[in-house]
N, C-alpha and C. Protein backbone atom coordinates (compact mmCIF):
# COMPACT_ATOMS: atom_id res chain seq x y z
N MET A 1 180.36 35.34 194.41
CA MET A 1 178.96 35.23 194.74
C MET A 1 178.63 33.75 194.93
N GLN A 2 177.84 33.49 195.95
CA GLN A 2 177.42 32.13 196.25
C GLN A 2 175.91 32.02 196.13
N LEU A 3 175.44 31.08 195.30
CA LEU A 3 174.01 30.81 195.16
C LEU A 3 173.62 29.68 196.10
N SER A 4 172.41 29.78 196.62
CA SER A 4 171.91 28.77 197.53
C SER A 4 170.40 28.65 197.39
N LEU A 5 169.88 27.47 197.69
CA LEU A 5 168.44 27.27 197.72
C LEU A 5 167.89 27.47 199.13
N THR A 6 168.70 27.98 200.01
CA THR A 6 168.31 28.26 201.39
C THR A 6 167.61 29.62 201.45
N PRO A 7 166.48 29.70 202.14
CA PRO A 7 165.77 30.99 202.20
C PRO A 7 166.54 32.02 203.01
N PRO A 8 166.31 33.29 202.71
CA PRO A 8 166.87 34.35 203.55
C PRO A 8 166.04 34.45 204.82
N SER A 9 166.52 35.19 205.76
CA SER A 9 165.69 35.49 206.93
C SER A 9 164.63 36.51 206.50
N ALA A 10 163.58 36.62 207.28
CA ALA A 10 162.53 37.60 206.98
C ALA A 10 163.10 39.01 207.00
N ALA A 11 164.02 39.28 207.93
CA ALA A 11 164.63 40.62 208.01
C ALA A 11 165.47 40.91 206.77
N GLU A 12 166.22 39.92 206.28
CA GLU A 12 167.01 40.12 205.05
C GLU A 12 166.09 40.37 203.86
N PHE A 13 165.02 39.59 203.77
CA PHE A 13 164.06 39.74 202.69
C PHE A 13 163.46 41.14 202.73
N LYS A 14 163.05 41.58 203.89
CA LYS A 14 162.45 42.91 204.04
C LYS A 14 163.43 44.00 203.62
N THR A 15 164.68 43.88 204.05
CA THR A 15 165.69 44.88 203.70
C THR A 15 165.87 44.98 202.20
N LEU A 16 165.95 43.84 201.53
CA LEU A 16 166.11 43.84 200.08
C LEU A 16 164.85 44.38 199.40
N TYR A 17 163.69 43.96 199.86
CA TYR A 17 162.42 44.40 199.30
C TYR A 17 162.25 45.91 199.47
N ASP A 18 162.64 46.43 200.62
CA ASP A 18 162.49 47.86 200.89
C ASP A 18 163.25 48.71 199.88
N GLU A 19 164.34 48.18 199.31
CA GLU A 19 165.11 48.91 198.30
C GLU A 19 164.33 49.13 197.01
N THR A 20 163.32 48.31 196.76
CA THR A 20 162.60 48.37 195.49
C THR A 20 161.61 49.53 195.41
N GLY A 21 161.13 50.01 196.56
CA GLY A 21 160.11 51.04 196.55
C GLY A 21 158.73 50.49 196.26
N TRP A 22 158.54 49.17 196.35
CA TRP A 22 157.25 48.55 196.05
C TRP A 22 156.24 48.72 197.16
N GLY A 23 156.65 49.25 198.27
CA GLY A 23 155.71 49.46 199.37
C GLY A 23 156.29 49.01 200.69
N ASP A 24 155.75 49.55 201.75
CA ASP A 24 156.20 49.23 203.09
C ASP A 24 155.36 48.09 203.64
N ARG A 25 156.00 47.01 204.00
CA ARG A 25 155.32 45.84 204.54
C ARG A 25 155.94 45.50 205.89
N SER A 26 155.17 44.82 206.72
CA SER A 26 155.66 44.45 208.05
C SER A 26 156.57 43.23 207.96
N LEU A 27 157.38 43.05 208.97
CA LEU A 27 158.23 41.88 209.05
C LEU A 27 157.38 40.61 209.06
N ALA A 28 156.23 40.66 209.70
CA ALA A 28 155.33 39.50 209.72
C ALA A 28 154.88 39.12 208.31
N ASP A 29 154.68 40.10 207.43
CA ASP A 29 154.31 39.81 206.04
C ASP A 29 155.40 38.99 205.36
N PHE A 30 156.65 39.34 205.61
CA PHE A 30 157.75 38.62 204.99
C PHE A 30 157.90 37.22 205.59
N GLU A 31 157.64 37.08 206.86
CA GLU A 31 157.66 35.76 207.49
C GLU A 31 156.61 34.86 206.85
N SER A 32 155.41 35.39 206.64
CA SER A 32 154.33 34.62 206.01
C SER A 32 154.67 34.28 204.56
N ALA A 33 155.21 35.25 203.84
CA ALA A 33 155.57 35.01 202.44
C ALA A 33 156.62 33.91 202.34
N LEU A 34 157.61 33.96 203.20
CA LEU A 34 158.66 32.94 203.17
C LEU A 34 158.08 31.56 203.50
N ALA A 35 157.18 31.50 204.45
CA ALA A 35 156.58 30.22 204.84
C ALA A 35 155.74 29.62 203.72
N SER A 36 155.24 30.45 202.82
CA SER A 36 154.38 29.98 201.73
C SER A 36 155.13 29.79 200.42
N THR A 37 156.44 29.90 200.44
CA THR A 37 157.24 29.80 199.23
C THR A 37 157.63 28.35 198.96
N TRP A 38 157.55 27.95 197.70
CA TRP A 38 157.90 26.59 197.30
C TRP A 38 159.41 26.43 197.12
N LEU A 39 160.05 27.43 196.51
CA LEU A 39 161.47 27.32 196.19
C LEU A 39 162.13 28.70 196.26
N PHE A 40 163.31 28.74 196.81
CA PHE A 40 164.09 29.98 196.94
C PHE A 40 165.40 29.84 196.18
N CYS A 41 165.95 30.96 195.80
CA CYS A 41 167.35 31.02 195.41
C CYS A 41 167.87 32.36 195.93
N THR A 42 168.96 32.28 196.68
CA THR A 42 169.59 33.49 197.20
C THR A 42 171.00 33.60 196.66
N ALA A 43 171.47 34.83 196.57
CA ALA A 43 172.86 35.11 196.19
C ALA A 43 173.47 35.93 197.31
N ARG A 44 174.66 35.53 197.72
CA ARG A 44 175.37 36.24 198.79
C ARG A 44 176.77 36.57 198.34
N ASP A 45 177.27 37.71 198.83
CA ASP A 45 178.64 38.09 198.52
C ASP A 45 179.60 37.29 199.42
N PRO A 46 180.89 37.42 199.24
CA PRO A 46 181.84 36.65 200.05
C PRO A 46 181.71 36.87 201.56
N ASP A 47 181.16 38.01 201.96
CA ASP A 47 180.96 38.29 203.39
C ASP A 47 179.63 37.77 203.91
N GLY A 48 178.83 37.13 203.05
CA GLY A 48 177.54 36.58 203.45
C GLY A 48 176.37 37.53 203.31
N LEU A 49 176.61 38.75 202.81
CA LEU A 49 175.53 39.71 202.62
C LEU A 49 174.61 39.27 201.49
N LEU A 50 173.31 39.29 201.73
CA LEU A 50 172.33 38.95 200.70
C LEU A 50 172.37 40.01 199.61
N THR A 51 172.75 39.61 198.39
CA THR A 51 172.83 40.55 197.28
C THR A 51 171.68 40.39 196.31
N GLY A 52 170.99 39.26 196.39
CA GLY A 52 169.85 39.04 195.51
C GLY A 52 169.08 37.81 195.93
N MET A 53 167.85 37.75 195.50
CA MET A 53 167.02 36.58 195.79
C MET A 53 165.87 36.51 194.80
N GLY A 54 165.34 35.32 194.68
CA GLY A 54 164.13 35.09 193.92
C GLY A 54 163.40 33.95 194.59
N ARG A 55 162.11 33.90 194.34
CA ARG A 55 161.35 32.79 194.90
C ARG A 55 160.28 32.35 193.93
N LEU A 56 159.90 31.08 194.07
CA LEU A 56 158.83 30.52 193.27
C LEU A 56 157.69 30.12 194.19
N ILE A 57 156.49 30.41 193.75
CA ILE A 57 155.31 29.84 194.39
C ILE A 57 154.78 28.82 193.39
N SER A 58 154.26 27.71 193.90
CA SER A 58 153.90 26.63 193.00
C SER A 58 152.96 25.64 193.67
N ASP A 59 152.26 24.88 192.82
CA ASP A 59 151.51 23.74 193.30
C ASP A 59 152.39 22.49 193.32
N GLY A 60 153.61 22.62 192.82
CA GLY A 60 154.56 21.53 192.82
C GLY A 60 154.36 20.51 191.73
N VAL A 61 153.38 20.74 190.85
CA VAL A 61 153.07 19.77 189.81
C VAL A 61 152.91 20.45 188.44
N LEU A 62 151.96 21.38 188.35
CA LEU A 62 151.61 21.96 187.06
C LEU A 62 152.29 23.29 186.76
N HIS A 63 152.31 24.19 187.73
CA HIS A 63 152.75 25.56 187.47
C HIS A 63 153.65 26.08 188.59
N ALA A 64 154.54 26.97 188.20
CA ALA A 64 155.34 27.72 189.17
C ALA A 64 155.40 29.16 188.67
N PHE A 65 155.43 30.09 189.61
CA PHE A 65 155.46 31.51 189.29
C PHE A 65 156.64 32.16 189.99
N VAL A 66 157.46 32.85 189.20
CA VAL A 66 158.59 33.59 189.75
C VAL A 66 158.03 34.85 190.39
N THR A 67 158.46 35.13 191.59
CA THR A 67 158.03 36.35 192.27
C THR A 67 159.21 36.92 193.05
N GLU A 68 159.22 38.21 193.21
CA GLU A 68 160.28 38.91 193.92
C GLU A 68 161.68 38.49 193.50
N LEU A 69 161.98 38.60 192.24
CA LEU A 69 163.36 38.47 191.79
C LEU A 69 163.98 39.85 192.02
N ILE A 70 164.80 39.96 193.06
CA ILE A 70 165.34 41.26 193.47
C ILE A 70 166.85 41.15 193.59
N VAL A 71 167.55 42.12 193.03
CA VAL A 71 169.00 42.21 193.17
C VAL A 71 169.32 43.58 193.75
N ARG A 72 170.15 43.57 194.78
CA ARG A 72 170.58 44.81 195.42
C ARG A 72 171.13 45.75 194.36
N GLU A 73 170.79 47.02 194.44
CA GLU A 73 171.14 47.98 193.41
C GLU A 73 172.63 47.95 193.04
N GLY A 74 173.50 47.89 194.01
CA GLY A 74 174.94 47.89 193.74
C GLY A 74 175.45 46.62 193.07
N SER A 75 174.62 45.59 193.02
CA SER A 75 175.02 44.31 192.41
C SER A 75 174.38 44.08 191.05
N ARG A 76 173.54 44.99 190.60
CA ARG A 76 172.87 44.82 189.32
C ARG A 76 173.86 44.98 188.16
N GLY A 77 173.55 44.32 187.06
CA GLY A 77 174.38 44.43 185.87
C GLY A 77 175.58 43.51 185.87
N HIS A 78 175.63 42.59 186.83
CA HIS A 78 176.77 41.66 186.93
C HIS A 78 176.33 40.20 186.78
N GLY A 79 175.12 39.96 186.30
CA GLY A 79 174.65 38.61 186.07
C GLY A 79 174.02 37.92 187.26
N VAL A 80 173.87 38.62 188.37
CA VAL A 80 173.30 38.01 189.57
C VAL A 80 171.86 37.57 189.33
N GLY A 81 171.04 38.46 188.78
CA GLY A 81 169.64 38.14 188.51
C GLY A 81 169.50 36.99 187.53
N ALA A 82 170.32 36.97 186.49
CA ALA A 82 170.26 35.89 185.50
C ALA A 82 170.61 34.56 186.14
N GLN A 83 171.59 34.56 187.03
CA GLN A 83 171.97 33.31 187.69
C GLN A 83 170.87 32.82 188.63
N ILE A 84 170.28 33.75 189.37
CA ILE A 84 169.17 33.37 190.26
C ILE A 84 168.01 32.81 189.45
N LEU A 85 167.62 33.51 188.40
CA LEU A 85 166.51 33.08 187.56
C LEU A 85 166.79 31.71 186.95
N GLY A 86 167.99 31.52 186.42
CA GLY A 86 168.36 30.24 185.82
C GLY A 86 168.30 29.10 186.83
N ARG A 87 168.74 29.37 188.04
CA ARG A 87 168.71 28.34 189.08
C ARG A 87 167.28 27.99 189.46
N LEU A 88 166.43 29.00 189.59
CA LEU A 88 165.02 28.75 189.93
C LEU A 88 164.33 27.92 188.86
N VAL A 89 164.49 28.31 187.61
CA VAL A 89 163.83 27.59 186.51
C VAL A 89 164.39 26.17 186.41
N GLY A 90 165.70 26.05 186.50
CA GLY A 90 166.32 24.73 186.43
C GLY A 90 165.85 23.81 187.54
N GLU A 91 165.76 24.32 188.74
CA GLU A 91 165.32 23.52 189.88
C GLU A 91 163.85 23.14 189.75
N ALA A 92 163.02 24.07 189.28
CA ALA A 92 161.60 23.75 189.07
C ALA A 92 161.46 22.61 188.08
N ARG A 93 162.19 22.68 186.99
CA ARG A 93 162.10 21.64 185.97
C ARG A 93 162.67 20.32 186.49
N ALA A 94 163.72 20.39 187.28
CA ALA A 94 164.27 19.17 187.88
C ALA A 94 163.26 18.50 188.81
N ARG A 95 162.37 19.30 189.38
CA ARG A 95 161.33 18.77 190.26
C ARG A 95 160.05 18.42 189.51
N GLY A 96 160.09 18.52 188.17
CA GLY A 96 158.96 18.09 187.35
C GLY A 96 157.99 19.18 186.94
N VAL A 97 158.23 20.42 187.29
CA VAL A 97 157.34 21.52 186.91
C VAL A 97 157.93 22.21 185.69
N GLU A 98 157.28 22.01 184.55
CA GLU A 98 157.78 22.58 183.29
C GLU A 98 157.27 23.99 183.03
N ASP A 99 156.06 24.31 183.50
CA ASP A 99 155.44 25.60 183.22
C ASP A 99 155.84 26.62 184.29
N VAL A 100 156.80 27.47 183.95
CA VAL A 100 157.26 28.51 184.86
C VAL A 100 156.89 29.85 184.24
N GLN A 101 156.13 30.65 184.99
CA GLN A 101 155.62 31.92 184.49
C GLN A 101 156.06 33.06 185.41
N LEU A 102 155.81 34.28 184.95
CA LEU A 102 156.08 35.45 185.78
C LEU A 102 155.37 36.66 185.22
N PHE A 103 155.25 37.68 186.05
CA PHE A 103 154.83 39.00 185.62
C PHE A 103 156.06 39.89 185.77
N ALA A 104 156.51 40.46 184.68
CA ALA A 104 157.68 41.32 184.72
C ALA A 104 157.32 42.70 185.22
N ALA A 105 158.14 43.24 186.09
CA ALA A 105 157.96 44.61 186.54
C ALA A 105 158.11 45.54 185.34
N SER A 106 157.50 46.69 185.42
CA SER A 106 157.57 47.66 184.34
C SER A 106 159.02 47.94 183.96
N GLY A 107 159.31 47.84 182.67
CA GLY A 107 160.65 48.13 182.18
C GLY A 107 161.63 46.98 182.29
N ARG A 108 161.20 45.83 182.78
CA ARG A 108 162.12 44.70 183.00
C ARG A 108 161.90 43.53 182.04
N ALA A 109 160.96 43.64 181.12
CA ALA A 109 160.65 42.51 180.23
C ALA A 109 161.86 42.08 179.41
N ALA A 110 162.69 43.00 178.96
CA ALA A 110 163.85 42.64 178.13
C ALA A 110 164.81 41.73 178.90
N PHE A 111 164.97 41.96 180.19
CA PHE A 111 165.82 41.09 181.01
C PHE A 111 165.31 39.65 180.94
N TYR A 112 164.01 39.48 181.12
CA TYR A 112 163.43 38.13 181.13
C TYR A 112 163.50 37.50 179.74
N GLU A 113 163.33 38.31 178.70
CA GLU A 113 163.45 37.78 177.34
C GLU A 113 164.88 37.29 177.09
N ARG A 114 165.87 38.02 177.56
CA ARG A 114 167.27 37.59 177.41
C ARG A 114 167.54 36.30 178.18
N ASN A 115 166.68 35.99 179.12
CA ASN A 115 166.90 34.82 179.97
C ASN A 115 165.86 33.72 179.76
N GLY A 116 165.31 33.65 178.53
CA GLY A 116 164.50 32.51 178.14
C GLY A 116 163.00 32.64 178.25
N PHE A 117 162.49 33.80 178.62
CA PHE A 117 161.04 33.99 178.71
C PHE A 117 160.55 34.74 177.48
N THR A 118 159.29 34.54 177.14
CA THR A 118 158.69 35.27 176.03
C THR A 118 157.45 36.00 176.54
N ARG A 119 157.14 37.09 175.88
CA ARG A 119 155.91 37.82 176.21
C ARG A 119 154.71 37.01 175.75
N ARG A 120 153.62 37.16 176.47
CA ARG A 120 152.39 36.49 176.03
C ARG A 120 151.89 37.15 174.76
N ARG A 121 151.35 36.32 173.92
CA ARG A 121 150.72 36.86 172.70
C ARG A 121 149.54 37.73 173.12
N GLU A 122 149.16 38.64 172.26
CA GLU A 122 148.06 39.55 172.58
C GLU A 122 146.80 38.81 172.96
N ARG A 123 146.53 37.70 172.33
CA ARG A 123 145.30 36.95 172.60
C ARG A 123 145.52 35.82 173.61
N ALA A 124 146.69 35.76 174.22
CA ALA A 124 146.98 34.70 175.19
C ALA A 124 146.22 34.95 176.49
N PRO A 125 145.94 33.89 177.22
CA PRO A 125 145.22 34.06 178.50
C PRO A 125 146.10 34.75 179.53
N GLY A 126 145.44 35.32 180.50
CA GLY A 126 146.16 35.95 181.60
C GLY A 126 145.68 37.37 181.82
N MET A 127 145.41 37.68 183.05
CA MET A 127 144.97 39.02 183.42
C MET A 127 145.47 39.32 184.81
N ASP A 128 145.50 40.59 185.17
CA ASP A 128 145.85 41.04 186.50
C ASP A 128 144.62 41.68 187.14
N ALA A 129 144.40 41.41 188.41
CA ALA A 129 143.33 42.09 189.15
C ALA A 129 143.82 43.48 189.50
N VAL A 130 143.00 44.47 189.28
CA VAL A 130 143.36 45.83 189.67
C VAL A 130 142.74 46.11 191.04
N ALA A 131 143.37 46.99 191.79
CA ALA A 131 142.95 47.22 193.17
C ALA A 131 141.53 47.78 193.24
N THR A 132 141.15 48.64 192.32
CA THR A 132 139.81 49.22 192.37
C THR A 132 138.85 48.34 191.59
N GLY A 133 137.68 48.20 192.11
CA GLY A 133 136.66 47.46 191.40
C GLY A 133 136.68 45.96 191.64
N VAL A 134 137.64 45.45 192.38
CA VAL A 134 137.70 44.02 192.66
C VAL A 134 136.87 43.75 193.90
N ARG A 135 135.95 42.83 193.77
CA ARG A 135 135.07 42.51 194.90
C ARG A 135 135.34 41.09 195.36
N PRO A 136 135.38 40.88 196.64
CA PRO A 136 135.56 39.51 197.13
C PRO A 136 134.35 38.66 196.76
N ALA A 137 134.59 37.39 196.56
CA ALA A 137 133.51 36.47 196.18
C ALA A 137 132.57 36.22 197.33
């Protein structure tokens, strides 16, 4: 497996994302997401196939957020996700951003805990907007 800070193509990103079942998005959505990403880490097999990726969105100074840490189903359980996550966090800190956060997908919190993240305390700040009842300002 080869790790790289080079972004995947939008088509590769879409293919990997489509495996998750998180929803159907257009190729243009992935192009926009890639253009707005601060830092990438991709993992490829010896044939160059994208087996996993993660990305950070950030202001480049105070905070960075891990998003779309995805590993192809056949590659899970072999340390690919841990290596991607470690590279992202390490690179963010090397660039001066110490506060790296994320929202763990349902059932995935233990993975992040094994890799250096902690759950927010019950009284800690942070909320998610829900689709219903949210009104634009």
